[in-house]
Amino acid sequence: MENKLKMSDVKQINPLRLSISEAAKFFGLSDKSIREALKRKELKSIVIRGRYKINFESMLEWAQLNKRRQNKLKRDGLGQFVKTWEDGNANEQKKD
């Protein structure tokens, strides 16, 4: 019998983790908002050398629970680049 890794196994082995400042930048939120969520235990995290490392999946799920956070993600976080990518792809397709 062959041992094959499933995607769920890979996530558990090496999950993507963000620092507080990285999470704030990616999601368009303040460091304070992230720290408050950590304090309320709303985000999954670990502490490495005295620094929080937040599970990216947990952060994404948490951001989607609240309309304000969803809007900040789209406007100030990663979402601000999606329109640019879509426009870039549309322009490239028109050239072809």
PDB file of N, CA and C in Angstrom:
ATOM      1  N   MET A   1       0.837  -1.175   0.000  1.00  0.00           N
ATOM      2  CA  MET A   1       0.000   0.000   0.000  1.00  0.00           C
ATOM      3  C   MET A   1       0.885   1.243   0.000  1.00  0.00           C
ATOM      4  N   GLU A   2       0.554   2.184  -0.869  1.00  0.00           N
ATOM      5  CA  GLU A   2       1.340   3.398  -1.037  1.00  0.00           C
ATOM      6  C   GLU A   2       0.830   4.507  -0.121  1.00  0.00           C
ATOM      7  N   ASN A   3       1.730   5.211   0.560  1.00  0.00           N
ATOM      8  CA  ASN A   3       1.342   6.339   1.405  1.00  0.00           C
ATOM      9  C   ASN A   3       1.333   7.607   0.567  1.00  0.00           C
ATOM     10  N   LYS A   4       0.147   8.177   0.403  1.00  0.00           N
ATOM     11  CA  LYS A   4       0.025   9.420  -0.349  1.00  0.00           C
ATOM     12  C   LYS A   4      -0.465  10.514   0.587  1.00  0.00           C
ATOM     13  N   LEU A   5       0.112  11.690   0.448  1.00  0.00           N
ATOM     14  CA  LEU A   5      -0.331  12.834   1.234  1.00  0.00           C
ATOM     15  C   LEU A   5      -1.549  13.461   0.582  1.00  0.00           C
ATOM     16  N   LYS A   6      -2.524  13.776   1.397  1.00  0.00           N
ATOM     17  CA  LYS A   6      -3.688  14.514   0.930  1.00  0.00           C
ATOM     18  C   LYS A   6      -3.431  15.992   1.190  1.00  0.00           C
ATOM     19  N   MET A   7      -4.182  16.869   0.503  1.00  0.00           N
ATOM     20  CA  MET A   7      -4.009  18.304   0.689  1.00  0.00           C
ATOM     21  C   MET A   7      -4.254  18.691   2.145  1.00  0.00           C
ATOM     22  N   SER A   8      -5.230  18.069   2.787  1.00  0.00           N
ATOM     23  CA  SER A   8      -5.511  18.385   4.190  1.00  0.00           C
ATOM     24  C   SER A   8      -4.320  18.030   5.083  1.00  0.00           C
ATOM     25  N   ASP A   9      -3.577  16.989   4.720  1.00  0.00           N
ATOM     26  CA  ASP A   9      -2.383  16.619   5.476  1.00  0.00           C
ATOM     27  C   ASP A   9      -1.294  17.679   5.314  1.00  0.00           C
ATOM     28  N   VAL A  10      -1.156  18.211   4.124  1.00  0.00           N
ATOM     29  CA  VAL A  10      -0.134  19.215   3.842  1.00  0.00           C
ATOM     30  C   VAL A  10      -0.416  20.476   4.642  1.00  0.00           C
ATOM     31  N   LYS A  11      -1.677  20.882   4.707  1.00  0.00           N
ATOM     32  CA  LYS A  11      -2.037  22.073   5.470  1.00  0.00           C
ATOM     33  C   LYS A  11      -1.624  21.929   6.925  1.00  0.00           C
ATOM     34  N   GLN A  12      -1.807  20.741   7.481  1.00  0.00           N
ATOM     35  CA  GLN A  12      -1.468  20.526   8.876  1.00  0.00           C
ATOM     36  C   GLN A  12       0.047  20.491   9.075  1.00  0.00           C
ATOM     37  N   ILE A  13       0.766  20.029   8.095  1.00  0.00           N
ATOM     38  CA  ILE A  13       2.208  19.936   8.215  1.00  0.00           C
ATOM     39  C   ILE A  13       2.845  21.324   8.157  1.00  0.00           C
ATOM     40  N   ASN A  14       2.411  22.154   7.208  1.00  0.00           N
ATOM     41  CA  ASN A  14       3.059  23.447   7.002  1.00  0.00           C
ATOM     42  C   ASN A  14       2.035  24.534   6.673  1.00  0.00           C
ATOM     43  N   PRO A  15       1.216  24.923   7.656  1.00  0.00           N
ATOM     44  CA  PRO A  15       0.205  25.959   7.370  1.00  0.00           C
ATOM     45  C   PRO A  15       0.849  27.327   7.177  1.00  0.00           C
ATOM     46  N   LEU A  16       0.205  28.164   6.401  1.00  0.00           N
ATOM     47  CA  LEU A  16       0.673  29.526   6.185  1.00  0.00           C
ATOM     48  C   LEU A  16       0.335  30.340   7.426  1.00  0.00           C
ATOM     49  N   ARG A  17       1.333  31.021   7.967  1.00  0.00           N
ATOM     50  CA  ARG A  17       1.146  31.825   9.182  1.00  0.00           C
ATOM     51  C   ARG A  17       1.632  33.243   8.933  1.00  0.00           C
ATOM     52  N   LEU A  18       0.904  34.201   9.506  1.00  0.00           N
ATOM     53  CA  LEU A  18       1.215  35.613   9.345  1.00  0.00           C
ATOM     54  C   LEU A  18       1.503  36.259  10.691  1.00  0.00           C
ATOM     55  N   SER A  19       2.405  37.216  10.702  1.00  0.00           N
ATOM     56  CA  SER A  19       2.604  38.027  11.905  1.00  0.00           C
ATOM     57  C   SER A  19       1.412  38.977  12.020  1.00  0.00           C
ATOM     58  N   ILE A  20       1.298  39.657  13.140  1.00  0.00           N
ATOM     59  CA  ILE A  20       0.205  40.608  13.329  1.00  0.00           C
ATOM     60  C   ILE A  20       0.266  41.704  12.272  1.00  0.00           C
ATOM     61  N   SER A  21       1.439  42.258  12.035  1.00  0.00           N
ATOM     62  CA  SER A  21       1.552  43.344  11.055  1.00  0.00           C
ATOM     63  C   SER A  21       1.283  42.847   9.631  1.00  0.00           C
ATOM     64  N   GLU A  22       1.722  41.641   9.301  1.00  0.00           N
ATOM     65  CA  GLU A  22       1.441  41.077   7.980  1.00  0.00           C
ATOM     66  C   GLU A  22      -0.064  40.877   7.787  1.00  0.00           C
ATOM     67  N   ALA A  23      -0.708  40.308   8.812  1.00  0.00           N
ATOM     68  CA  ALA A  23      -2.155  40.090   8.741  1.00  0.00           C
ATOM     69  C   ALA A  23      -2.891  41.413   8.567  1.00  0.00           C
ATOM     70  N   ALA A  24      -2.473  42.428   9.301  1.00  0.00           N
ATOM     71  CA  ALA A  24      -3.103  43.748   9.197  1.00  0.00           C
ATOM     72  C   ALA A  24      -2.962  44.304   7.778  1.00  0.00           C
ATOM     73  N   LYS A  25      -1.781  44.189   7.202  1.00  0.00           N
ATOM     74  CA  LYS A  25      -1.558  44.698   5.846  1.00  0.00           C
ATOM     75  C   LYS A  25      -2.348  43.905   4.811  1.00  0.00           C
ATOM     76  N   PHE A  26      -2.301  42.577   4.887  1.00  0.00           N
ATOM     77  CA  PHE A  26      -3.001  41.727   3.930  1.00  0.00           C
ATOM     78  C   PHE A  26      -4.506  41.972   3.946  1.00  0.00           C
ATOM     79  N   PHE A  27      -5.056  42.215   5.136  1.00  0.00           N
ATOM     80  CA  PHE A  27      -6.501  42.316   5.282  1.00  0.00           C
ATOM     81  C   PHE A  27      -7.005  43.748   5.423  1.00  0.00           C
ATOM     82  N   GLY A  28      -6.113  44.730   5.355  1.00  0.00           N
ATOM     83  CA  GLY A  28      -6.519  46.125   5.400  1.00  0.00           C
ATOM     84  C   GLY A  28      -7.049  46.570   6.752  1.00  0.00           C
ATOM     85  N   LEU A  29      -6.561  45.943   7.809  1.00  0.00           N
ATOM     86  CA  LEU A  29      -7.012  46.243   9.168  1.00  0.00           C
ATOM     87  C   LEU A  29      -5.871  46.835   9.980  1.00  0.00           C
ATOM     88  N   SER A  30      -6.191  47.299  11.165  1.00  0.00           N
ATOM     89  CA  SER A  30      -5.150  47.822  12.049  1.00  0.00           C
ATOM     90  C   SER A  30      -4.554  46.685  12.876  1.00  0.00           C
ATOM     91  N   ASP A  31      -3.329  46.902  13.331  1.00  0.00           N
ATOM     92  CA  ASP A  31      -2.700  45.941  14.244  1.00  0.00           C
ATOM     93  C   ASP A  31      -3.585  45.747  15.476  1.00  0.00           C
ATOM     94  N   LYS A  32      -4.186  46.839  15.940  1.00  0.00           N
ATOM     95  CA  LYS A  32      -5.031  46.795  17.136  1.00  0.00           C
ATOM     96  C   LYS A  32      -6.219  45.847  16.935  1.00  0.00           C
ATOM     97  N   SER A  33      -6.854  45.879  15.768  1.00  0.00           N
ATOM     98  CA  SER A  33      -7.984  44.982  15.482  1.00  0.00           C
ATOM     99  C   SER A  33      -7.548  43.522  15.559  1.00  0.00           C
ATOM    100  N   ILE A  34      -6.378  43.243  15.017  1.00  0.00           N
ATOM    101  CA  ILE A  34      -5.857  41.873  15.029  1.00  0.00           C
ATOM    102  C   ILE A  34      -5.553  41.454  16.468  1.00  0.00           C
ATOM    103  N   ARG A  35      -4.904  42.326  17.231  1.00  0.00           N
ATOM    104  CA  ARG A  35      -4.568  42.008  18.619  1.00  0.00           C
ATOM    105  C   ARG A  35      -5.817  41.769  19.459  1.00  0.00           C
ATOM    106  N   GLU A  36      -6.863  42.568  19.230  1.00  0.00           N
ATOM    107  CA  GLU A  36      -8.114  42.383  19.974  1.00  0.00           C
ATOM    108  C   GLU A  36      -8.754  41.038  19.640  1.00  0.00           C
ATOM    109  N   ALA A  37      -8.723  40.647  18.368  1.00  0.00           N
ATOM    110  CA  ALA A  37      -9.263  39.346  17.963  1.00  0.00           C
ATOM    111  C   ALA A  37      -8.463  38.205  18.595  1.00  0.00           C
ATOM    112  N   LEU A  38      -7.153  38.367  18.667  1.00  0.00           N
ATOM    113  CA  LEU A  38      -6.313  37.360  19.328  1.00  0.00           C
ATOM    114  C   LEU A  38      -6.660  37.263  20.810  1.00  0.00           C
ATOM    115  N   LYS A  39      -6.855  38.417  21.431  1.00  0.00           N
ATOM    116  CA  LYS A  39      -7.185  38.452  22.859  1.00  0.00           C
ATOM    117  C   LYS A  39      -8.519  37.757  23.134  1.00  0.00           C
ATOM    118  N   ARG A  40      -9.482  37.911  22.203  1.00  0.00           N
ATOM    119  CA  ARG A  40     -10.796  37.271  22.331  1.00  0.00           C
ATOM    120  C   ARG A  40     -10.772  35.823  21.846  1.00  0.00           C
ATOM    121  N   LYS A  41      -9.595  35.352  21.420  1.00  0.00           N
ATOM    122  CA  LYS A  41      -9.394  33.984  20.914  1.00  0.00           C
ATOM    123  C   LYS A  41     -10.267  33.686  19.693  1.00  0.00           C
ATOM    124  N   GLU A  42     -10.436  34.684  18.831  1.00  0.00           N
ATOM    125  CA  GLU A  42     -11.211  34.533  17.602  1.00  0.00           C
ATOM    126  C   GLU A  42     -10.351  34.032  16.446  1.00  0.00           C
ATOM    127  N   LEU A  43      -9.038  34.069  16.616  1.00  0.00           N
ATOM    128  CA  LEU A  43      -8.106  33.633  15.584  1.00  0.00           C
ATOM    129  C   LEU A  43      -7.222  32.513  16.116  1.00  0.00           C
ATOM    130  N   LYS A  44      -6.925  31.555  15.256  1.00  0.00           N
ATOM    131  CA  LYS A  44      -5.996  30.491  15.621  1.00  0.00           C
ATOM    132  C   LYS A  44      -4.580  31.016  15.425  1.00  0.00           C
ATOM    133  N   SER A  45      -3.761  30.818  16.426  1.00  0.00           N
ATOM    134  CA  SER A  45      -2.382  31.305  16.331  1.00  0.00           C
ATOM    135  C   SER A  45      -1.472  30.482  17.224  1.00  0.00           C
ATOM    136  N   ILE A  46      -0.187  30.661  16.986  1.00  0.00           N
ATOM    137  CA  ILE A  46       0.830  30.099  17.865  1.00  0.00           C
ATOM    138  C   ILE A  46       1.795  31.234  18.190  1.00  0.00           C
ATOM    139  N   VAL A  47       2.602  31.020  19.200  1.00  0.00           N
ATOM    140  CA  VAL A  47       3.605  32.017  19.568  1.00  0.00           C
ATOM    141  C   VAL A  47       4.979  31.402  19.321  1.00  0.00           C
ATOM    142  N   ILE A  48       5.773  32.087  18.519  1.00  0.00           N
ATOM    143  CA  ILE A  48       7.135  31.653  18.219  1.00  0.00           C
ATOM    144  C   ILE A  48       8.074  32.777  18.626  1.00  0.00           C
ATOM    145  N   ARG A  49       8.989  32.466  19.546  1.00  0.00           N
ATOM    146  CA  ARG A  49       9.952  33.458  20.057  1.00  0.00           C
ATOM    147  C   ARG A  49       9.257  34.745  20.510  1.00  0.00           C
ATOM    148  N   GLY A  50       8.127  34.575  21.185  1.00  0.00           N
ATOM    149  CA  GLY A  50       7.414  35.707  21.743  1.00  0.00           C
ATOM    150  C   GLY A  50       6.583  36.502  20.740  1.00  0.00           C
ATOM    151  N   ARG A  51       6.440  35.987  19.518  1.00  0.00           N
ATOM    152  CA  ARG A  51       5.671  36.671  18.467  1.00  0.00           C
ATOM    153  C   ARG A  51       4.502  35.798  18.021  1.00  0.00           C
ATOM    154  N   TYR A  52       3.345  36.427  17.878  1.00  0.00           N
ATOM    155  CA  TYR A  52       2.189  35.697  17.370  1.00  0.00           C
ATOM    156  C   TYR A  52       2.380  35.376  15.893  1.00  0.00           C
ATOM    157  N   LYS A  53       1.986  34.176  15.521  1.00  0.00           N
ATOM    158  CA  LYS A  53       1.906  33.752  14.128  1.00  0.00           C
ATOM    159  C   LYS A  53       0.482  33.240  13.922  1.00  0.00           C
ATOM    160  N   ILE A  54      -0.281  33.958  13.090  1.00  0.00           N
ATOM    161  CA  ILE A  54      -1.698  33.693  12.905  1.00  0.00           C
ATOM    162  C   ILE A  54      -1.904  32.772  11.716  1.00  0.00           C
ATOM    163  N   ASN A  55      -2.738  31.765  11.901  1.00  0.00           N
ATOM    164  CA  ASN A  55      -3.082  30.839  10.839  1.00  0.00           C
ATOM    165  C   ASN A  55      -3.856  31.601   9.758  1.00  0.00           C
ATOM    166  N   PHE A  56      -3.383  31.547   8.512  1.00  0.00           N
ATOM    167  CA  PHE A  56      -3.978  32.314   7.418  1.00  0.00           C
ATOM    168  C   PHE A  56      -5.435  31.916   7.180  1.00  0.00           C
ATOM    169  N   GLU A  57      -5.727  30.611   7.197  1.00  0.00           N
ATOM    170  CA  GLU A  57      -7.104  30.151   6.988  1.00  0.00           C
ATOM    171  C   GLU A  57      -8.033  30.719   8.054  1.00  0.00           C
ATOM    172  N   SER A  58      -7.576  30.707   9.294  1.00  0.00           N
ATOM    173  CA  SER A  58      -8.357  31.249  10.400  1.00  0.00           C
ATOM    174  C   SER A  58      -8.609  32.735  10.190  1.00  0.00           C
ATOM    175  N   MET A  59      -7.586  33.439   9.752  1.00  0.00           N
ATOM    176  CA  MET A  59      -7.694  34.873   9.501  1.00  0.00           C
ATOM    177  C   MET A  59      -8.694  35.155   8.387  1.00  0.00           C
ATOM    178  N   LEU A  60      -8.649  34.376   7.334  1.00  0.00           N
ATOM    179  CA  LEU A  60      -9.552  34.558   6.206  1.00  0.00           C
ATOM    180  C   LEU A  60     -11.003  34.296   6.620  1.00  0.00           C
ATOM    181  N   GLU A  61     -11.220  33.225   7.360  1.00  0.00           N
ATOM    182  CA  GLU A  61     -12.571  32.917   7.845  1.00  0.00           C
ATOM    183  C   GLU A  61     -13.088  34.030   8.752  1.00  0.00           C
ATOM    184  N   TRP A  62     -12.257  34.492   9.656  1.00  0.00           N
ATOM    185  CA  TRP A  62     -12.642  35.551  10.591  1.00  0.00           C
ATOM    186  C   TRP A  62     -12.981  36.830   9.840  1.00  0.00           C
ATOM    187  N   ALA A  63     -12.201  37.167   8.839  1.00  0.00           N
ATOM    188  CA  ALA A  63     -12.436  38.390   8.067  1.00  0.00           C
ATOM    189  C   ALA A  63     -13.766  38.332   7.326  1.00  0.00           C
ATOM    190  N   GLN A  64     -14.191  37.144   6.943  1.00  0.00           N
ATOM    191  CA  GLN A  64     -15.445  36.989   6.192  1.00  0.00           C
ATOM    192  C   GLN A  64     -16.689  36.994   7.080  1.00  0.00           C
ATOM    193  N   LEU A  65     -16.518  36.943   8.389  1.00  0.00           N
ATOM    194  CA  LEU A  65     -17.659  36.906   9.308  1.00  0.00           C
ATOM    195  C   LEU A  65     -18.329  38.265   9.492  1.00  0.00           C
ATOM    196  N   ASN A  66     -17.658  39.320   9.120  1.00  0.00           N
ATOM    197  CA  ASN A  66     -18.124  40.669   9.402  1.00  0.00           C
ATOM    198  C   ASN A  66     -18.058  41.502   8.118  1.00  0.00           C
ATOM    199  N   LYS A  67     -19.165  42.174   7.790  1.00  0.00           N
ATOM    200  CA  LYS A  67     -19.228  42.952   6.543  1.00  0.00           C
ATOM    201  C   LYS A  67     -18.162  44.062   6.510  1.00  0.00           C
ATOM    202  N   ARG A  68     -17.919  44.715   7.633  1.00  0.00           N
ATOM    203  CA  ARG A  68     -16.904  45.768   7.692  1.00  0.00           C
ATOM    204  C   ARG A  68     -15.523  45.229   7.346  1.00  0.00           C
ATOM    205  N   ARG A  69     -15.187  44.066   7.925  1.00  0.00           N
ATOM    206  CA  ARG A  69     -13.888  43.462   7.633  1.00  0.00           C
ATOM    207  C   ARG A  69     -13.810  43.000   6.176  1.00  0.00           C
ATOM    208  N   GLN A  70     -14.927  42.490   5.635  1.00  0.00           N
ATOM    209  CA  GLN A  70     -14.958  42.091   4.224  1.00  0.00           C
ATOM    210  C   GLN A  70     -14.652  43.305   3.335  1.00  0.00           C
ATOM    211  N   ASN A  71     -15.301  44.424   3.652  1.00  0.00           N
ATOM    212  CA  ASN A  71     -15.094  45.636   2.853  1.00  0.00           C
ATOM    213  C   ASN A  71     -13.670  46.155   2.963  1.00  0.00           C
ATOM    214  N   LYS A  72     -13.096  46.097   4.166  1.00  0.00           N
ATOM    215  CA  LYS A  72     -11.711  46.554   4.350  1.00  0.00           C
ATOM    216  C   LYS A  72     -10.750  45.656   3.572  1.00  0.00           C
ATOM    217  N   LEU A  73     -11.021  44.351   3.571  1.00  0.00           N
ATOM    218  CA  LEU A  73     -10.190  43.412   2.811  1.00  0.00           C
ATOM    219  C   LEU A  73     -10.224  43.779   1.330  1.00  0.00           C
ATOM    220  N   LYS A  74     -11.416  44.051   0.818  1.00  0.00           N
ATOM    221  CA  LYS A  74     -11.552  44.387  -0.602  1.00  0.00           C
ATOM    222  C   LYS A  74     -10.952  45.748  -0.934  1.00  0.00           C
ATOM    223  N   ARG A  75     -11.175  46.730  -0.058  1.00  0.00           N
ATOM    224  CA  ARG A  75     -10.754  48.095  -0.357  1.00  0.00           C
ATOM    225  C   ARG A  75      -9.288  48.367  -0.001  1.00  0.00           C
ATOM    226  N   ASP A  76      -8.859  47.915   1.185  1.00  0.00           N
ATOM    227  CA  ASP A  76      -7.535  48.278   1.696  1.00  0.00           C
ATOM    228  C   ASP A  76      -6.553  47.113   1.740  1.00  0.00           C
ATOM    229  N   GLY A  77      -7.057  45.894   1.669  1.00  0.00           N
ATOM    230  CA  GLY A  77      -6.201  44.717   1.757  1.00  0.00           C
ATOM    231  C   GLY A  77      -5.891  44.146   0.381  1.00  0.00           C
ATOM    232  N   LEU A  78      -5.786  42.830   0.319  1.00  0.00           N
ATOM    233  CA  LEU A  78      -5.452  42.152  -0.934  1.00  0.00           C
ATOM    234  C   LEU A  78      -6.457  42.433  -2.040  1.00  0.00           C
ATOM    235  N   GLY A  79      -7.700  42.670  -1.675  1.00  0.00           N
ATOM    236  CA  GLY A  79      -8.742  42.894  -2.664  1.00  0.00           C
ATOM    237  C   GLY A  79      -8.489  44.089  -3.567  1.00  0.00           C
ATOM    238  N   GLN A  80      -7.734  45.067  -3.106  1.00  0.00           N
ATOM    239  CA  GLN A  80      -7.465  46.245  -3.935  1.00  0.00           C
ATOM    240  C   GLN A  80      -6.669  45.892  -5.189  1.00  0.00           C
ATOM    241  N   PHE A  81      -5.988  44.768  -5.178  1.00  0.00           N
ATOM    242  CA  PHE A  81      -5.188  44.359  -6.326  1.00  0.00           C
ATOM    243  C   PHE A  81      -5.945  43.460  -7.295  1.00  0.00           C
ATOM    244  N   VAL A  82      -7.056  42.896  -6.852  1.00  0.00           N
ATOM    245  CA  VAL A  82      -7.805  41.980  -7.707  1.00  0.00           C
ATOM    246  C   VAL A  82      -8.321  42.704  -8.943  1.00  0.00           C
ATOM    247  N   LYS A  83      -8.868  43.890  -8.796  1.00  0.00           N
ATOM    248  CA  LYS A  83      -9.353  44.655  -9.935  1.00  0.00           C
ATOM    249  C   LYS A  83      -8.212  44.912 -10.920  1.00  0.00           C
ATOM    250  N   THR A  84      -7.049  45.244 -10.396  1.00  0.00           N
ATOM    251  CA  THR A  84      -5.886  45.488 -11.239  1.00  0.00           C
ATOM    252  C   THR A  84      -5.540  44.234 -12.030  1.00  0.00           C
ATOM    253  N   TRP A  85      -5.563  43.080 -11.362  1.00  0.00           N
ATOM    254  CA  TRP A  85      -5.262  41.828 -12.046  1.00  0.00           C
ATOM    255  C   TRP A  85      -6.295  41.558 -13.126  1.00  0.00           C
ATOM    256  N   GLU A  86      -7.590  41.783 -12.809  1.00  0.00           N
ATOM    257  CA  GLU A  86      -8.643  41.541 -13.784  1.00  0.00           C
ATOM    258  C   GLU A  86      -8.465  42.462 -14.983  1.00  0.00           C
ATOM    259  N   ASP A  87      -8.187  43.749 -14.731  1.00  0.00           N
ATOM    260  CA  ASP A  87      -7.968  44.703 -15.814  1.00  0.00           C
ATOM    261  C   ASP A  87      -6.754  44.299 -16.642  1.00  0.00           C
ATOM    262  N   GLY A  88      -5.685  43.887 -15.958  1.00  0.00           N
ATOM    263  CA  GLY A  88      -4.470  43.472 -16.656  1.00  0.00           C
ATOM    264  C   GLY A  88      -4.729  42.286 -17.557  1.00  0.00           C
ATOM    265  N   ASN A  89      -5.472  41.311 -17.072  1.00  0.00           N
ATOM    266  CA  ASN A  89      -5.804  40.142 -17.885  1.00  0.00           C
ATOM    267  C   ASN A  89      -6.692  40.526 -19.053  1.00  0.00           C
ATOM    268  N   ALA A  90      -7.648  41.431 -18.825  1.00  0.00           N
ATOM    269  CA  ALA A  90      -8.542  41.858 -19.897  1.00  0.00           C
ATOM    270  C   ALA A  90      -7.758  42.581 -20.987  1.00  0.00           C
ATOM    271  N   ASN A  91      -6.812  43.429 -20.584  1.00  0.00           N
ATOM    272  CA  ASN A  91      -6.000  44.154 -21.561  1.00  0.00           C
ATOM    273  C   ASN A  91      -5.121  43.207 -22.373  1.00  0.00           C
ATOM    274  N   GLU A  92      -4.577  42.190 -21.701  1.00  0.00           N
ATOM    275  CA  GLU A  92      -3.730  41.227 -22.396  1.00  0.00           C
ATOM    276  C   GLU A  92      -4.551  40.441 -23.407  1.00  0.00           C
ATOM    277  N   GLN A  93      -5.775  40.090 -23.054  1.00  0.00           N
ATOM    278  CA  GLN A  93      -6.635  39.333 -23.959  1.00  0.00           C
ATOM    279  C   GLN A  93      -7.023  40.159 -25.162  1.00  0.00           C
ATOM    280  N   LYS A  94      -7.240  41.472 -24.975  1.00  0.00           N
ATOM    281  CA  LYS A  94      -7.606  42.336 -26.089  1.00  0.00           C
ATOM    282  C   LYS A  94      -6.460  42.458 -27.097  1.00  0.00           C
ATOM    283  N   LYS A  95      -5.224  42.422 -26.601  1.00  0.00           N
ATOM    284  CA  LYS A  95      -4.055  42.545 -27.483  1.00  0.00           C
ATOM    285  C   LYS A  95      -3.896  41.322 -28.372  1.00  0.00           C
ATOM    286  N   ASP A  96      -4.305  40.156 -27.849  1.00  0.00           N
ATOM    287  CA  ASP A  96      -4.124  38.900 -28.602  1.00  0.00           C
ATOM    288  C   ASP A  96      -5.035  38.802 -29.796  1.00  0.00           C
TER     289      ASP A  96
END
